[in-house]
């Protein structure tokens, strides 16, 4: 989610995957895929920079070599899924 500021000064968080259109006509209009429109103070280049940095941060975290311990399966060869067939 990226943080944006409405014209009245309140902050909103927008899912960048939902942004469909950004228009600059003195103020910035954001149109989402579901049809919602928002007026924000940030110019389009700032919004685009925030989206790019968010995606870069996600990619960096997903590509890091060091994995969390809880994400590794210990003794994976012993894992047997349990299936029960009711007859």
C-alpha atoms as a PDB file:
ATOM      1  CA  UNK A   1       0.000   0.000   0.000  1.00  0.00           C
ATOM      2  CA  UNK A   2       1.197   3.511  -0.699  1.00  0.00           C
ATOM      3  CA  UNK A   3       0.328   6.531   1.425  1.00  0.00           C
ATOM      4  CA  UNK A   4      -1.306   9.499  -0.302  1.00  0.00           C
ATOM      5  CA  UNK A   5      -2.762  12.785   0.971  1.00  0.00           C
ATOM      6  CA  UNK A   6      -6.254  13.960   0.096  1.00  0.00           C
ATOM      7  CA  UNK A   7      -6.983  17.630  -0.558  1.00  0.00           C
ATOM      8  CA  UNK A   8      -8.332  18.085   2.983  1.00  0.00           C
ATOM      9  CA  UNK A   9      -5.045  16.815   4.454  1.00  0.00           C
ATOM     10  CA  UNK A  10      -6.237  13.368   5.513  1.00  0.00           C
ATOM     11  CA  UNK A  11      -4.072  10.393   4.589  1.00  0.00           C
ATOM     12  CA  UNK A  12      -5.274   7.407   2.610  1.00  0.00           C
ATOM     13  CA  UNK A  13      -3.522   4.180   1.682  1.00  0.00           C
ATOM     14  CA  UNK A  14      -4.036   2.889  -1.840  1.00  0.00           C
ATOM     15  CA  UNK A  15      -3.253  -0.519  -3.275  1.00  0.00           C
ATOM     16  CA  UNK A  16      -0.993   0.288  -6.242  1.00  0.00           C
ATOM     17  CA  UNK A  17      -2.164  -2.834  -8.078  1.00  0.00           C
ATOM     18  CA  UNK A  18      -5.628  -1.238  -8.294  1.00  0.00           C
ATOM     19  CA  UNK A  19      -4.462   2.057  -9.855  1.00  0.00           C
ATOM     20  CA  UNK A  20      -5.721   2.228 -13.387  1.00  0.00           C
ATOM     21  CA  UNK A  21      -5.260   5.886 -14.313  1.00  0.00           C
ATOM     22  CA  UNK A  22      -3.466   8.947 -12.930  1.00  0.00           C
ATOM     23  CA  UNK A  23      -4.461  12.351 -14.322  1.00  0.00           C
ATOM     24  CA  UNK A  24      -2.975  15.748 -13.534  1.00  0.00           C
ATOM     25  CA  UNK A  25      -5.372  18.618 -14.106  1.00  0.00           C
ATOM     26  CA  UNK A  26      -4.246  21.116 -11.566  1.00  0.00           C
ATOM     27  CA  UNK A  27      -4.871  18.497  -8.868  1.00  0.00           C
ATOM     28  CA  UNK A  28      -4.118  14.812  -9.286  1.00  0.00           C
ATOM     29  CA  UNK A  29      -6.980  12.393  -9.969  1.00  0.00           C
ATOM     30  CA  UNK A  30      -6.444   8.682  -9.343  1.00  0.00           C
ATOM     31  CA  UNK A  31      -8.894   6.203 -10.842  1.00  0.00           C
ATOM     32  CA  UNK A  32      -8.895   2.669  -9.479  1.00  0.00           C
ATOM     33  CA  UNK A  33      -9.888  -0.494 -11.324  1.00  0.00           C
ATOM     34  CA  UNK A  34     -13.140  -0.679  -9.332  1.00  0.00           C
ATOM     35  CA  UNK A  35     -14.167   2.805 -10.538  1.00  0.00           C
ATOM     36  CA  UNK A  36     -13.364   4.749  -7.360  1.00  0.00           C
ATOM     37  CA  UNK A  37     -11.743   8.145  -7.944  1.00  0.00           C
ATOM     38  CA  UNK A  38      -9.596  10.094  -5.504  1.00  0.00           C
ATOM     39  CA  UNK A  39      -8.186  13.619  -5.538  1.00  0.00           C
ATOM     40  CA  UNK A  40      -4.732  13.770  -3.975  1.00  0.00           C
ATOM     41  CA  UNK A  41      -2.084  16.417  -3.380  1.00  0.00           C
ATOM     42  CA  UNK A  42       0.908  14.418  -4.663  1.00  0.00           C
ATOM     43  CA  UNK A  43       1.859  14.892  -8.324  1.00  0.00           C
ATOM     44  CA  UNK A  44       1.849  11.882 -10.652  1.00  0.00           C
ATOM     45  CA  UNK A  45       5.654  11.516 -10.636  1.00  0.00           C
ATOM     46  CA  UNK A  46       5.661  11.163  -6.820  1.00  0.00           C
ATOM     47  CA  UNK A  47       2.928   8.512  -6.962  1.00  0.00           C
ATOM     48  CA  UNK A  48       4.812   6.605  -9.659  1.00  0.00           C
ATOM     49  CA  UNK A  49       8.041   6.808  -7.618  1.00  0.00           C
ATOM     50  CA  UNK A  50       6.234   5.392  -4.573  1.00  0.00           C
ATOM     51  CA  UNK A  51       4.796   2.511  -6.599  1.00  0.00           C
ATOM     52  CA  UNK A  52       8.204   1.696  -8.114  1.00  0.00           C
ATOM     53  CA  UNK A  53       9.967   1.825  -4.731  1.00  0.00           C
ATOM     54  CA  UNK A  54       7.298  -0.399  -3.154  1.00  0.00           C
ATOM     55  CA  UNK A  55       7.685  -3.008  -5.881  1.00  0.00           C
ATOM     56  CA  UNK A  56      11.481  -2.816  -5.664  1.00  0.00           C
ATOM     57  CA  UNK A  57      11.310  -3.344  -1.891  1.00  0.00           C
ATOM     58  CA  UNK A  58       9.072  -6.381  -2.371  1.00  0.00           C
ATOM     59  CA  UNK A  59      11.436  -7.846  -4.970  1.00  0.00           C
ATOM     60  CA  UNK A  60      14.467  -7.258  -2.735  1.00  0.00           C
ATOM     61  CA  UNK A  61      12.796  -9.031   0.161  1.00  0.00           C
ATOM     62  CA  UNK A  62      11.702 -11.967  -1.963  1.00  0.00           C
ATOM     63  CA  UNK A  63      15.142 -12.381  -3.559  1.00  0.00           C
ATOM     64  CA  UNK A  64      17.194 -12.202  -0.372  1.00  0.00           C
ATOM     65  CA  UNK A  65      19.478 -15.162   0.228  1.00  0.00           C
ATOM     66  CA  UNK A  66      18.832 -15.436   3.928  1.00  0.00           C
ATOM     67  CA  UNK A  67      15.485 -17.099   4.511  1.00  0.00           C
ATOM     68  CA  UNK A  68      13.525 -17.000   7.706  1.00  0.00           C
ATOM     69  CA  UNK A  69      13.859 -20.118   9.775  1.00  0.00           C
ATOM     70  CA  UNK A  70      10.122 -20.646   9.995  1.00  0.00           C
ATOM     71  CA  UNK A  71       9.880 -20.725   6.198  1.00  0.00           C
ATOM     72  CA  UNK A  72      12.216 -23.714   5.908  1.00  0.00           C
ATOM     73  CA  UNK A  73      10.822 -27.177   6.386  1.00  0.00           C
ATOM     74  CA  UNK A  74      12.908 -29.193   8.785  1.00  0.00           C
ATOM     75  CA  UNK A  75      13.408 -32.807   7.783  1.00  0.00           C
ATOM     76  CA  UNK A  76      11.266 -32.459   4.682  1.00  0.00           C
ATOM     77  CA  UNK A  77      11.848 -36.073   3.696  1.00  0.00           C
ATOM     78  CA  UNK A  78       9.704 -37.116   6.665  1.00  0.00           C
ATOM     79  CA  UNK A  79       6.737 -35.015   5.582  1.00  0.00           C
ATOM     80  CA  UNK A  80       3.773 -37.135   4.562  1.00  0.00           C
ATOM     81  CA  UNK A  81       0.478 -35.453   3.744  1.00  0.00           C
ATOM     82  CA  UNK A  82      -2.450 -37.001   5.528  1.00  0.00           C
ATOM     83  CA  UNK A  83      -5.305 -38.049   3.287  1.00  0.00           C
ATOM     84  CA  UNK A  84      -8.400 -39.693   4.618  1.00  0.00           C
ATOM     85  CA  UNK A  85     -10.826 -41.332   2.276  1.00  0.00           C
ATOM     86  CA  UNK A  86     -14.308 -41.754   3.690  1.00  0.00           C
ATOM     87  CA  UNK A  87     -16.187 -44.599   2.100  1.00  0.00           C
END
